[in-house]
Amino acid sequence: MRVPGVPRALSGLRVRLVVAFTLVAVVATVTTGALTFREARTGVLQQSQDTVIEDFRHRVNTLVPNYRFPPDESDLRSFAVDVSRGGRSQNWRVLVAYRDASATSGPGDSFRELSPAMRESVRTRRATVFQRVTRDGHPSLVVGMPVTFAGEYTTERRASGLEVYLTVPQREEQGYVDALVTAIERATVPALALAVLIALLAARGVLRPVRALRRATRSIAEGRLDTRLAVQGSDELADLSRTFNETAAALEGSVAELRRMEAGARRFAADVSHELRTPLAAMSAVTDVLDEDAAGLDDDTAMAVRLISEETTKLAGLVDDLMEISRFDAGAAALHLDEIDLAESVRRTLASRGWLDTVEACLPEPGALRGRVDPRRVDVVVANLVANALRHGAPPVRLHLYGEDDPHAGRQAVVVVGDGGGGIPESVLPHVFDRFYKSDSARTRSEGSGLGLAITAENVRLHGGTVRAANHPDGGAVFTVVLPLRPDATEDRVPHAAKEERP
């Protein structure tokens, strides 16, 4: 799902995969680096600490027997100096304390690193204690140990009251730790670059079948139902490709069957309509003769003759409509364009059907609106719309013809046919151009085949125009037809849209 407000390029699958891989790489690199740093730092400091404590303990135990006990201040100072000389780096600073007296290995040593808590721990315990401290940005290791001696009649060692403290700078160890941090930081950048590269490769591997699926889906949507995907591997994407192929095959079979059935239905309607034309022609000739003799017949016989004549005429019209619809369905309907005066064409349509006095026509001046259209089909469009208004609406029936200029489509002719009836229910409006659709609840008089508006819509689309139905705010139904006018010579043809679109 696309996130609102986020550009498509930033919400794509490739970006999300790269971001996910990068985050995983960052977390893994940072975690590994932190653990490695902790273990390495602990190892470096532990080794240094163990070495210092061992040397310090050995030095103190070696020098203690050489001094008298209890020591005085000069003894404490000498002892501190001797102990400080045992450091391998000669950087030992030693503090020796006995009760209230103390001495350091160097003049002016304040031993600020030594905390009261550590001194209290040395006084109360008989074990060596240590503490790492940092003062003024310089790390140091502080070690403290009490001097004990063995009892005369027991192996238990007792405190002598002599305390020895050692401070050792750890600049070298800190240098090792800093170098380790630098190495980890330098290793992080290649690791992230490698993660991004792997993410791009993984995204490419995932997106390739996804893109192929997208192209195949579009191809299916465009009508190429024989589109299939190449199935590679046995992972989830391969299963998806197989499922798509199976679905496409099933869809192709279903559509082929529907098309076969539709073609059969069209052929059946066309064949039936064609076969009915010959007997209907004979029946029309007979009814014409009967109509001429109906005046000399008795009332019941005359009524029956007129009823037969009317129904025969309706049946002939239905057959003609079915033949016309079958030509549209078969894609055999073609435009025969001719440059005509639209106002004169509409006037002839109304006059030929005796509607000049029934319909209020508002037409432009002769010659003011000309264009290349199919005269026969324009006649059918106007006649069907006016007949529909007269049959299903109520007076007054109005027809308005005018021209307009569209910035994209150019010059257009607009035909508006309205009536003064009750209008079309909102639930019926989407279906008024459907074939055989009748709204008996809205139109109490439901004469006709139900194909007139469908044929009108097909003829308009064949011209590349539009037709729509609506209700006028003051009441009544309004049908609006927009026909593009072709002022230049245009080849008679069936527009592609007319072949593809069906009402």
Protein backbone atom coordinates (compact mmCIF):
# COMPACT_ATOMS: atom_id res chain seq x y z
CA MET A 1 0.00 0.00 0.00
CA ARG A 2 1.32 3.38 -0.95
CA VAL A 3 1.75 5.85 1.93
CA PRO A 4 -0.13 9.16 1.36
CA GLY A 5 2.17 12.12 0.92
CA VAL A 6 5.22 9.97 0.10
CA PRO A 7 6.55 10.07 -3.49
CA ARG A 8 6.18 6.82 -5.41
CA ALA A 9 9.96 6.56 -5.89
CA LEU A 10 10.46 6.57 -2.10
CA SER A 11 7.72 4.04 -1.36
CA GLY A 12 8.73 1.41 -3.92
CA LEU A 13 9.64 -2.15 -3.09
CA ARG A 14 13.28 -1.65 -4.10
CA VAL A 15 13.74 1.26 -1.67
CA ARG A 16 12.03 -0.63 1.13
CA LEU A 17 14.22 -3.69 0.59
CA VAL A 18 17.39 -1.59 0.53
CA VAL A 19 16.33 0.27 3.67
CA ALA A 20 15.46 -3.00 5.43
CA PHE A 21 18.77 -4.63 4.51
CA THR A 22 20.67 -1.50 5.53
CA LEU A 23 18.92 -1.35 8.89
CA VAL A 24 19.65 -5.02 9.51
CA ALA A 25 23.28 -4.46 8.51
CA VAL A 26 23.56 -1.40 10.77
CA VAL A 27 22.09 -3.25 13.74
CA ALA A 28 24.25 -6.32 13.10
CA THR A 29 27.41 -4.25 12.57
CA VAL A 30 26.84 -2.07 15.61
CA THR A 31 25.97 -5.05 17.79
CA THR A 32 28.95 -7.07 16.59
CA GLY A 33 31.25 -4.08 16.94
CA ALA A 34 29.98 -3.34 20.44
CA LEU A 35 30.40 -6.93 21.57
CA THR A 36 33.83 -7.18 19.94
CA PHE A 37 34.88 -3.90 21.51
CA ARG A 38 33.69 -4.95 24.94
CA GLU A 39 35.43 -8.31 24.81
CA ALA A 40 38.65 -6.85 23.39
CA ARG A 41 38.68 -3.97 25.87
CA THR A 42 38.03 -6.34 28.73
CA GLY A 43 40.83 -8.60 27.53
CA VAL A 44 43.33 -5.75 27.16
CA LEU A 45 42.52 -4.21 30.52
CA GLN A 46 42.27 -7.57 32.27
CA GLN A 47 45.67 -8.64 31.04
CA SER A 48 47.24 -5.32 32.05
CA GLN A 49 45.48 -5.39 35.40
CA ASP A 50 46.50 -8.97 36.22
CA THR A 51 50.10 -8.22 35.29
CA VAL A 52 50.25 -5.06 37.41
CA ILE A 53 48.58 -6.67 40.43
CA GLU A 54 50.81 -9.73 40.26
CA ASP A 55 53.96 -7.62 40.00
CA PHE A 56 52.75 -5.28 42.73
CA ARG A 57 51.94 -8.13 45.13
CA HIS A 58 55.24 -9.88 44.42
CA ARG A 59 57.19 -6.63 44.90
CA VAL A 60 55.52 -5.83 48.21
CA ASN A 61 55.91 -9.36 49.59
CA THR A 62 59.57 -9.37 48.57
CA LEU A 63 60.44 -6.01 50.16
CA VAL A 64 58.43 -6.22 53.41
CA PRO A 65 60.88 -8.56 55.24
CA ASN A 66 63.69 -6.07 54.64
CA TYR A 67 62.08 -3.40 56.81
CA ARG A 68 61.62 -3.21 60.55
CA PHE A 69 58.20 -3.24 62.05
CA PRO A 70 56.57 -1.04 63.14
CA PRO A 71 58.01 1.35 60.56
CA ASP A 72 58.63 5.04 61.06
CA GLU A 73 58.08 7.78 58.48
CA SER A 74 61.52 7.31 56.85
CA ASP A 75 60.89 3.58 56.56
CA LEU A 76 57.55 4.23 54.90
CA ARG A 77 59.15 6.60 52.37
CA SER A 78 61.97 4.17 51.58
CA PHE A 79 59.51 1.33 51.22
CA ALA A 80 57.34 3.38 48.83
CA VAL A 81 60.35 4.28 46.70
CA ASP A 82 61.55 0.66 46.56
CA VAL A 83 58.10 -0.59 45.55
CA SER A 84 57.75 2.05 42.82
CA ARG A 85 60.94 0.83 41.22
CA GLY A 86 59.34 -2.51 40.44
CA GLY A 87 57.15 -1.13 37.67
CA ARG A 88 58.04 -2.31 34.22
CA SER A 89 57.33 1.10 32.75
CA GLN A 90 58.86 2.94 35.71
CA ASN A 91 55.60 4.89 36.05
CA TRP A 92 54.44 3.45 39.34
CA ARG A 93 53.32 5.88 41.99
CA VAL A 94 53.16 4.31 45.45
CA LEU A 95 51.57 5.39 48.70
CA VAL A 96 52.42 3.55 51.94
CA ALA A 97 50.34 4.18 55.05
CA TYR A 98 50.66 2.87 58.61
CA ARG A 99 48.00 4.04 60.98
CA ASP A 100 48.14 7.85 60.86
CA ALA A 101 51.48 8.08 59.02
CA SER A 102 51.93 7.87 55.26
CA ALA A 103 54.58 8.44 52.59
CA THR A 104 54.67 8.51 48.80
CA SER A 105 57.25 7.47 46.26
CA GLY A 106 57.54 10.94 44.80
CA PRO A 107 57.40 14.42 46.24
CA GLY A 108 54.14 16.24 45.89
CA ASP A 109 52.03 13.15 45.05
CA SER A 110 48.56 13.90 46.31
CA PHE A 111 46.99 10.59 45.24
CA ARG A 112 43.69 12.23 44.31
CA GLU A 113 42.72 9.03 42.48
CA LEU A 114 42.50 7.20 45.78
CA SER A 115 38.93 7.26 47.08
CA PRO A 116 37.91 6.98 50.75
CA ALA A 117 35.83 3.93 49.91
CA MET A 118 38.88 2.12 48.57
CA ARG A 119 40.94 2.97 51.66
CA GLU A 120 38.16 1.69 53.86
CA SER A 121 37.99 -1.54 51.83
CA VAL A 122 41.77 -2.09 52.21
CA ARG A 123 41.61 -1.50 55.95
CA THR A 124 38.74 -3.89 56.55
CA ARG A 125 39.66 -6.66 54.11
CA ARG A 126 42.68 -8.83 53.64
CA ALA A 127 42.51 -9.01 49.85
CA THR A 128 43.97 -6.91 47.12
CA VAL A 129 41.45 -4.46 45.66
CA PHE A 130 41.66 -2.37 42.52
CA GLN A 131 39.76 0.38 40.79
CA ARG A 132 39.94 2.06 37.38
CA VAL A 133 39.59 5.81 37.52
CA THR A 134 39.81 8.66 35.02
CA ARG A 135 40.99 12.07 36.12
CA ASP A 136 41.55 15.01 33.82
CA GLY A 137 40.93 12.71 30.87
CA HIS A 138 43.74 10.31 31.84
CA PRO A 139 42.84 6.73 32.84
CA SER A 140 44.69 5.03 35.71
CA LEU A 141 44.58 1.76 37.59
CA VAL A 142 44.57 2.11 41.37
CA VAL A 143 45.53 -0.98 43.41
CA GLY A 144 45.46 -1.31 47.16
CA MET A 145 46.54 -4.18 49.41
CA PRO A 146 47.03 -4.67 53.13
CA VAL A 147 50.31 -6.23 54.36
CA THR A 148 49.63 -9.35 56.44
CA PHE A 149 51.83 -11.71 58.39
CA ALA A 150 51.40 -15.28 59.54
CA GLY A 151 50.53 -16.03 63.12
CA GLU A 152 52.93 -17.91 65.43
CA TYR A 153 50.66 -20.84 66.16
CA THR A 154 48.24 -20.68 63.21
CA THR A 155 48.33 -20.52 59.43
CA GLU A 156 45.81 -17.70 59.35
CA ARG A 157 47.36 -14.41 58.24
CA ARG A 158 46.66 -11.29 60.26
CA ALA A 159 46.65 -7.66 59.22
CA SER A 160 49.77 -5.71 60.14
CA GLY A 161 48.14 -2.30 59.72
CA LEU A 162 50.47 -1.46 56.83
CA GLU A 163 48.64 -0.41 53.66
CA VAL A 164 50.24 -0.06 50.24
CA TYR A 165 48.54 1.73 47.32
CA LEU A 166 49.66 1.82 43.70
CA THR A 167 48.62 4.11 40.85
CA VAL A 168 49.59 3.08 37.29
CA PRO A 169 48.79 5.22 34.22
CA GLN A 170 47.02 3.27 31.48
CA ARG A 171 47.72 5.48 28.51
CA GLU A 172 49.14 2.56 26.52
CA GLU A 173 46.07 0.42 27.19
CA GLN A 174 43.83 3.37 26.31
CA GLY A 175 45.75 3.70 23.06
CA TYR A 176 45.00 0.05 22.29
CA VAL A 177 41.30 0.63 23.02
CA ASP A 178 41.20 3.78 20.86
CA ALA A 179 42.87 1.90 18.01
CA LEU A 180 40.28 -0.84 18.39
CA VAL A 181 37.44 1.71 18.18
CA THR A 182 38.99 3.22 15.05
CA ALA A 183 39.32 -0.22 13.47
CA ILE A 184 35.68 -1.02 14.22
CA GLU A 185 34.55 2.32 12.78
CA ARG A 186 36.57 1.71 9.64
CA ALA A 187 35.09 -1.77 9.29
CA THR A 188 31.55 -0.43 9.63
CA VAL A 189 31.62 1.57 6.37
CA PRO A 190 32.58 -1.40 4.13
CA ALA A 191 30.05 -3.54 5.97
CA LEU A 192 27.28 -1.05 5.25
CA ALA A 193 28.37 -0.71 1.62
CA LEU A 194 28.36 -4.48 1.29
CA ALA A 195 24.90 -4.61 2.89
CA VAL A 196 23.56 -2.06 0.40
CA LEU A 197 25.08 -4.02 -2.49
CA ILE A 198 23.55 -7.26 -1.24
CA ALA A 199 20.23 -5.44 -0.76
CA LEU A 200 20.32 -4.18 -4.34
CA LEU A 201 21.08 -7.65 -5.65
CA ALA A 202 18.34 -9.18 -3.50
CA ALA A 203 15.88 -6.46 -4.56
CA ARG A 204 16.76 -7.10 -8.19
CA GLY A 205 16.14 -10.81 -7.75
CA VAL A 206 12.79 -10.16 -6.06
CA LEU A 207 11.66 -7.36 -8.37
CA ARG A 208 12.44 -9.14 -11.63
CA PRO A 209 9.55 -11.64 -11.31
CA VAL A 210 7.34 -8.96 -9.77
CA ARG A 211 7.90 -6.69 -12.77
CA ALA A 212 7.28 -9.58 -15.11
CA LEU A 213 4.03 -10.26 -13.27
CA ARG A 214 3.06 -6.59 -13.57
CA ARG A 215 3.73 -6.59 -17.33
CA ALA A 216 1.80 -9.81 -17.76
CA THR A 217 -1.14 -8.44 -15.77
CA ARG A 218 -1.24 -5.33 -17.93
CA SER A 219 -1.08 -7.49 -21.02
CA ILE A 220 -4.04 -9.53 -19.76
CA ALA A 221 -5.94 -6.32 -19.02
CA GLU A 222 -5.29 -5.15 -22.59
CA GLY A 223 -6.92 -8.29 -23.95
CA ARG A 224 -3.89 -10.51 -24.69
CA LEU A 225 -5.19 -13.51 -22.80
CA ASP A 226 -2.46 -15.84 -24.12
CA THR A 227 0.15 -14.07 -21.96
CA ARG A 228 2.10 -16.42 -19.70
CA LEU A 229 5.00 -16.11 -17.27
CA ALA A 230 8.24 -18.10 -17.36
CA VAL A 231 8.40 -20.20 -14.19
CA GLN A 232 11.87 -20.57 -12.68
CA GLY A 233 12.75 -22.24 -9.40
CA SER A 234 10.46 -23.55 -6.70
CA ASP A 235 10.12 -20.63 -4.30
CA GLU A 236 7.05 -18.55 -3.46
CA LEU A 237 7.50 -16.32 -6.51
CA ALA A 238 7.62 -19.38 -8.75
CA ASP A 239 4.39 -20.61 -7.13
CA LEU A 240 2.87 -17.20 -7.77
CA SER A 241 3.90 -17.37 -11.43
CA ARG A 242 2.39 -20.84 -11.78
CA THR A 243 -0.83 -19.65 -10.16
CA PHE A 244 -0.93 -16.67 -12.52
CA ASN A 245 -0.47 -18.95 -15.54
CA GLU A 246 -3.22 -21.26 -14.35
CA THR A 247 -5.55 -18.31 -13.75
CA ALA A 248 -4.72 -16.80 -17.15
CA ALA A 249 -5.36 -20.15 -18.86
CA ALA A 250 -8.70 -20.54 -17.09
CA LEU A 251 -9.63 -16.95 -17.96
CA GLU A 252 -8.63 -17.46 -21.59
CA GLY A 253 -10.77 -20.56 -21.80
CA SER A 254 -13.74 -18.85 -20.16
CA VAL A 255 -13.49 -15.79 -22.38
CA ALA A 256 -13.11 -17.94 -25.48
CA GLU A 257 -16.22 -19.86 -24.50
CA LEU A 258 -18.12 -16.63 -23.82
CA ARG A 259 -17.02 -15.19 -27.13
CA ARG A 260 -18.06 -18.36 -28.90
CA MET A 261 -21.46 -18.24 -27.23
CA GLU A 262 -21.81 -14.52 -27.94
CA ALA A 263 -20.88 -15.03 -31.60
CA GLY A 264 -23.39 -17.86 -31.80
CA ALA A 265 -26.09 -15.67 -30.25
CA ARG A 266 -25.31 -12.86 -32.69
CA ARG A 267 -25.43 -15.23 -35.63
CA PHE A 268 -28.67 -16.69 -34.37
CA ALA A 269 -30.28 -13.24 -34.01
CA ALA A 270 -29.00 -12.18 -37.43
CA ASP A 271 -30.15 -15.42 -39.07
CA VAL A 272 -33.57 -15.26 -37.43
CA SER A 273 -33.98 -11.60 -38.40
CA HIS A 274 -32.89 -12.35 -41.95
CA GLU A 275 -35.24 -15.31 -42.25
CA LEU A 276 -38.14 -13.25 -40.90
CA ARG A 277 -37.73 -10.46 -43.43
CA THR A 278 -39.16 -12.46 -46.36
CA PRO A 279 -42.38 -13.62 -44.66
CA LEU A 280 -42.77 -10.20 -43.05
CA ALA A 281 -42.53 -8.56 -46.45
CA ALA A 282 -45.30 -10.83 -47.67
CA MET A 283 -47.37 -10.18 -44.56
CA SER A 284 -46.92 -6.41 -44.99
CA ALA A 285 -48.17 -6.64 -48.56
CA VAL A 286 -51.21 -8.61 -47.41
CA THR A 287 -51.95 -6.20 -44.56
CA ASP A 288 -51.74 -3.28 -47.00
CA VAL A 289 -54.45 -4.91 -49.12
CA LEU A 290 -56.53 -5.67 -46.05
CA ASP A 291 -56.19 -2.08 -44.86
CA GLU A 292 -57.62 -0.87 -48.17
CA ASP A 293 -60.61 -3.19 -47.82
CA ALA A 294 -61.10 -2.66 -44.06
CA ALA A 295 -63.68 0.09 -44.64
CA GLY A 296 -66.07 -2.42 -46.27
CA LEU A 297 -65.78 -5.01 -43.51
CA ASP A 298 -67.80 -5.33 -40.35
CA ASP A 299 -66.49 -3.64 -37.21
CA ASP A 300 -64.97 -6.70 -35.55
CA THR A 301 -63.25 -7.83 -38.73
CA ALA A 302 -61.98 -4.31 -39.46
CA MET A 303 -60.57 -4.03 -35.91
CA ALA A 304 -58.81 -7.37 -36.29
CA VAL A 305 -57.38 -6.31 -39.66
CA ARG A 306 -56.05 -3.04 -38.23
CA LEU A 307 -54.57 -4.88 -35.21
CA ILE A 308 -52.80 -7.34 -37.48
CA SER A 309 -51.50 -4.48 -39.62
CA GLU A 310 -50.12 -2.58 -36.59
CA GLU A 311 -48.44 -5.63 -35.08
CA THR A 312 -46.96 -6.60 -38.44
CA THR A 313 -45.50 -3.10 -38.75
CA LYS A 314 -44.04 -3.34 -35.21
CA LEU A 315 -42.61 -6.77 -35.94
CA ALA A 316 -41.00 -5.47 -39.14
CA GLY A 317 -39.48 -2.58 -37.17
CA LEU A 318 -38.18 -4.99 -34.53
CA VAL A 319 -36.56 -7.16 -37.19
CA ASP A 320 -34.91 -4.10 -38.74
CA ASP A 321 -33.62 -3.05 -35.31
CA LEU A 322 -32.26 -6.53 -34.64
CA MET A 323 -30.49 -6.54 -37.98
CA GLU A 324 -28.96 -3.14 -37.19
CA ILE A 325 -27.80 -4.29 -33.73
CA SER A 326 -26.29 -7.45 -35.19
CA ARG A 327 -24.25 -5.34 -37.62
CA PHE A 328 -22.92 -3.27 -34.73
CA ASP A 329 -22.01 -6.41 -32.77
CA ALA A 330 -20.28 -7.94 -35.76
CA GLY A 331 -18.26 -4.75 -36.36
CA ALA A 332 -19.75 -4.47 -39.83
CA ALA A 333 -21.35 -1.06 -39.32
CA ALA A 334 -19.53 1.63 -41.32
CA LEU A 335 -19.86 5.37 -41.70
CA HIS A 336 -20.70 6.82 -45.09
CA LEU A 337 -19.75 10.42 -44.58
CA ASP A 338 -21.11 13.31 -46.51
CA GLU A 339 -20.92 17.04 -45.89
CA ILE A 340 -24.44 18.20 -45.14
CA ASP A 341 -26.35 21.05 -43.55
CA LEU A 342 -27.26 19.69 -40.11
CA ALA A 343 -30.25 22.01 -39.69
CA GLU A 344 -31.75 20.94 -43.02
CA SER A 345 -31.15 17.27 -42.18
CA VAL A 346 -32.98 17.59 -38.86
CA ARG A 347 -35.83 19.49 -40.51
CA ARG A 348 -36.26 16.72 -43.12
CA THR A 349 -36.29 14.11 -40.35
CA LEU A 350 -39.13 15.87 -38.56
CA ALA A 351 -41.03 16.56 -41.77
CA SER A 352 -40.84 12.99 -43.08
CA ARG A 353 -42.46 11.72 -39.89
CA GLY A 354 -45.05 14.49 -39.59
CA TRP A 355 -43.53 16.02 -36.44
CA LEU A 356 -43.05 19.61 -37.59
CA ASP A 357 -46.21 20.73 -35.82
CA THR A 358 -45.68 18.45 -32.80
CA VAL A 359 -42.06 19.26 -31.93
CA GLU A 360 -40.78 22.72 -31.03
CA ALA A 361 -37.56 22.88 -33.03
CA CYS A 362 -34.90 25.54 -32.50
CA LEU A 363 -32.53 25.22 -35.45
CA PRO A 364 -29.72 27.44 -36.71
CA GLU A 365 -29.96 29.34 -39.96
CA PRO A 366 -29.55 27.26 -43.17
CA GLY A 367 -25.88 26.73 -43.94
CA ALA A 368 -24.72 27.96 -40.49
CA LEU A 369 -23.88 24.46 -39.21
CA ARG A 370 -22.28 22.09 -41.71
CA GLY A 371 -20.06 19.05 -41.26
CA ARG A 372 -19.16 15.61 -42.53
CA VAL A 373 -21.46 13.01 -40.94
CA ASP A 374 -23.41 9.97 -42.01
CA PRO A 375 -26.84 11.43 -42.98
CA ARG A 376 -28.74 8.16 -42.55
CA ARG A 377 -27.37 7.55 -39.06
CA VAL A 378 -27.97 11.15 -37.97
CA ASP A 379 -31.56 10.74 -39.17
CA VAL A 380 -31.89 7.57 -37.03
CA VAL A 381 -30.45 9.33 -33.97
CA VAL A 382 -32.80 12.31 -34.20
CA ALA A 383 -35.84 10.17 -35.05
CA ASN A 384 -35.27 7.75 -32.17
CA LEU A 385 -34.80 10.51 -29.59
CA VAL A 386 -37.87 12.46 -30.71
CA ALA A 387 -39.98 9.28 -30.94
CA ASN A 388 -38.87 8.32 -27.43
CA ALA A 389 -39.86 11.75 -26.09
CA LEU A 390 -43.26 11.62 -27.83
CA ARG A 391 -43.93 8.04 -26.74
CA HIS A 392 -42.77 8.17 -23.13
CA GLY A 393 -42.79 11.87 -22.25
CA ALA A 394 -45.37 14.59 -22.37
CA PRO A 395 -45.77 17.80 -24.37
CA PRO A 396 -44.12 20.05 -25.09
CA VAL A 397 -41.33 18.17 -26.86
CA ARG A 398 -38.44 20.47 -27.76
CA LEU A 399 -35.45 19.97 -30.05
CA HIS A 400 -32.49 22.33 -29.99
CA LEU A 401 -29.61 22.11 -32.47
CA TYR A 402 -26.51 24.31 -32.18
CA GLY A 403 -22.78 24.25 -32.76
CA GLU A 404 -19.94 24.72 -30.28
CA ASP A 405 -16.16 24.76 -30.37
CA ASP A 406 -14.20 22.41 -28.12
CA PRO A 407 -10.49 23.19 -27.57
CA HIS A 408 -9.62 19.50 -27.94
CA ALA A 409 -12.28 18.04 -30.26
CA GLY A 410 -12.78 21.07 -32.47
CA ARG A 411 -16.15 21.98 -34.01
CA GLN A 412 -19.10 19.96 -32.65
CA ALA A 413 -22.83 19.72 -33.25
CA VAL A 414 -25.07 19.45 -30.20
CA VAL A 415 -28.60 18.04 -30.37
CA VAL A 416 -30.77 18.42 -27.26
CA VAL A 417 -34.18 16.71 -27.10
CA GLY A 418 -36.39 17.30 -24.05
CA ASP A 419 -39.97 16.71 -23.01
CA GLY A 420 -42.35 18.02 -20.35
CA GLY A 421 -43.05 14.71 -18.66
CA GLY A 422 -42.17 13.47 -15.21
CA GLY A 423 -38.54 12.74 -16.05
CA ILE A 424 -36.53 9.55 -15.58
CA PRO A 425 -36.04 7.98 -12.11
CA GLU A 426 -32.46 8.13 -10.86
CA SER A 427 -32.34 4.32 -10.67
CA VAL A 428 -33.27 4.09 -14.36
CA LEU A 429 -30.82 6.69 -15.74
CA PRO A 430 -27.79 4.34 -15.89
CA HIS A 431 -29.81 1.82 -17.93
CA VAL A 432 -31.72 3.93 -20.46
CA PHE A 433 -29.32 2.96 -23.28
CA ASP A 434 -29.34 -0.75 -22.43
CA ARG A 435 -30.90 -3.10 -24.93
CA PHE A 436 -34.49 -4.18 -24.34
CA TYR A 437 -34.61 -2.11 -21.15
CA LYS A 438 -38.05 -0.79 -20.23
CA SER A 439 -39.05 1.02 -17.08
CA ASP A 440 -42.69 0.13 -16.78
CA SER A 441 -42.98 1.79 -13.38
CA ALA A 442 -41.67 5.07 -14.80
CA ARG A 443 -43.26 4.82 -18.25
CA THR A 444 -46.79 3.52 -18.17
CA ARG A 445 -46.84 3.40 -21.95
CA SER A 446 -44.14 0.86 -22.79
CA GLU A 447 -44.56 0.57 -26.55
CA GLY A 448 -41.59 -0.23 -28.79
CA SER A 449 -38.89 -2.85 -28.84
CA GLY A 450 -36.55 -1.28 -26.31
CA LEU A 451 -33.77 -1.07 -28.91
CA GLY A 452 -34.24 2.50 -30.13
CA LEU A 453 -32.00 4.21 -27.55
CA ALA A 454 -29.42 1.41 -27.79
CA ILE A 455 -29.20 1.91 -31.57
CA THR A 456 -28.98 5.67 -31.00
CA ALA A 457 -26.01 5.22 -28.65
CA GLU A 458 -24.24 2.91 -31.13
CA ASN A 459 -24.69 5.38 -33.99
CA VAL A 460 -23.37 8.26 -31.87
CA ARG A 461 -20.34 6.26 -30.79
CA LEU A 462 -19.73 5.26 -34.40
CA HIS A 463 -19.33 8.98 -35.13
CA GLY A 464 -16.96 9.34 -32.16
CA GLY A 465 -19.52 11.40 -30.24
CA THR A 466 -21.28 11.08 -26.90
CA VAL A 467 -24.89 10.79 -25.76
CA ARG A 468 -26.22 11.22 -22.24
CA ALA A 469 -29.57 11.26 -20.48
CA ALA A 470 -30.56 13.52 -17.59
CA ASN A 471 -33.53 15.24 -15.98
CA HIS A 472 -34.27 18.92 -16.47
CA PRO A 473 -34.55 20.95 -13.24
CA ASP A 474 -38.03 22.11 -14.31
CA GLY A 475 -39.13 18.55 -15.08
CA GLY A 476 -38.91 16.21 -18.02
CA ALA A 477 -36.16 14.07 -19.52
CA VAL A 478 -33.33 15.60 -21.54
CA PHE A 479 -31.16 13.71 -24.04
CA THR A 480 -27.99 15.43 -25.27
CA VAL A 481 -26.00 14.24 -28.29
CA VAL A 482 -22.60 15.68 -29.17
CA LEU A 483 -21.27 14.87 -32.66
CA PRO A 484 -17.80 15.91 -33.86
CA LEU A 485 -17.93 17.59 -37.25
CA ARG A 486 -15.31 16.72 -39.88
CA PRO A 487 -14.85 19.70 -42.16
CA ASP A 488 -12.14 17.98 -44.18
CA ALA A 489 -12.43 14.84 -46.28
CA THR A 490 -12.32 11.86 -43.96
CA GLU A 491 -12.11 8.25 -44.97
CA ASP A 492 -15.27 6.26 -44.35
CA ARG A 493 -14.38 3.87 -41.64
CA VAL A 494 -15.51 2.34 -38.38
CA PRO A 495 -13.79 4.12 -35.48
CA HIS A 496 -11.75 1.82 -33.26
CA ALA A 497 -13.65 2.97 -30.21
CA ALA A 498 -16.93 1.99 -31.86
CA LYS A 499 -15.68 -1.55 -32.30
CA GLU A 500 -14.47 -1.91 -28.75
CA GLU A 501 -17.17 -0.13 -26.74
CA ARG A 502 -20.60 -1.60 -26.30
CA PRO A 503 -23.44 -0.13 -24.25
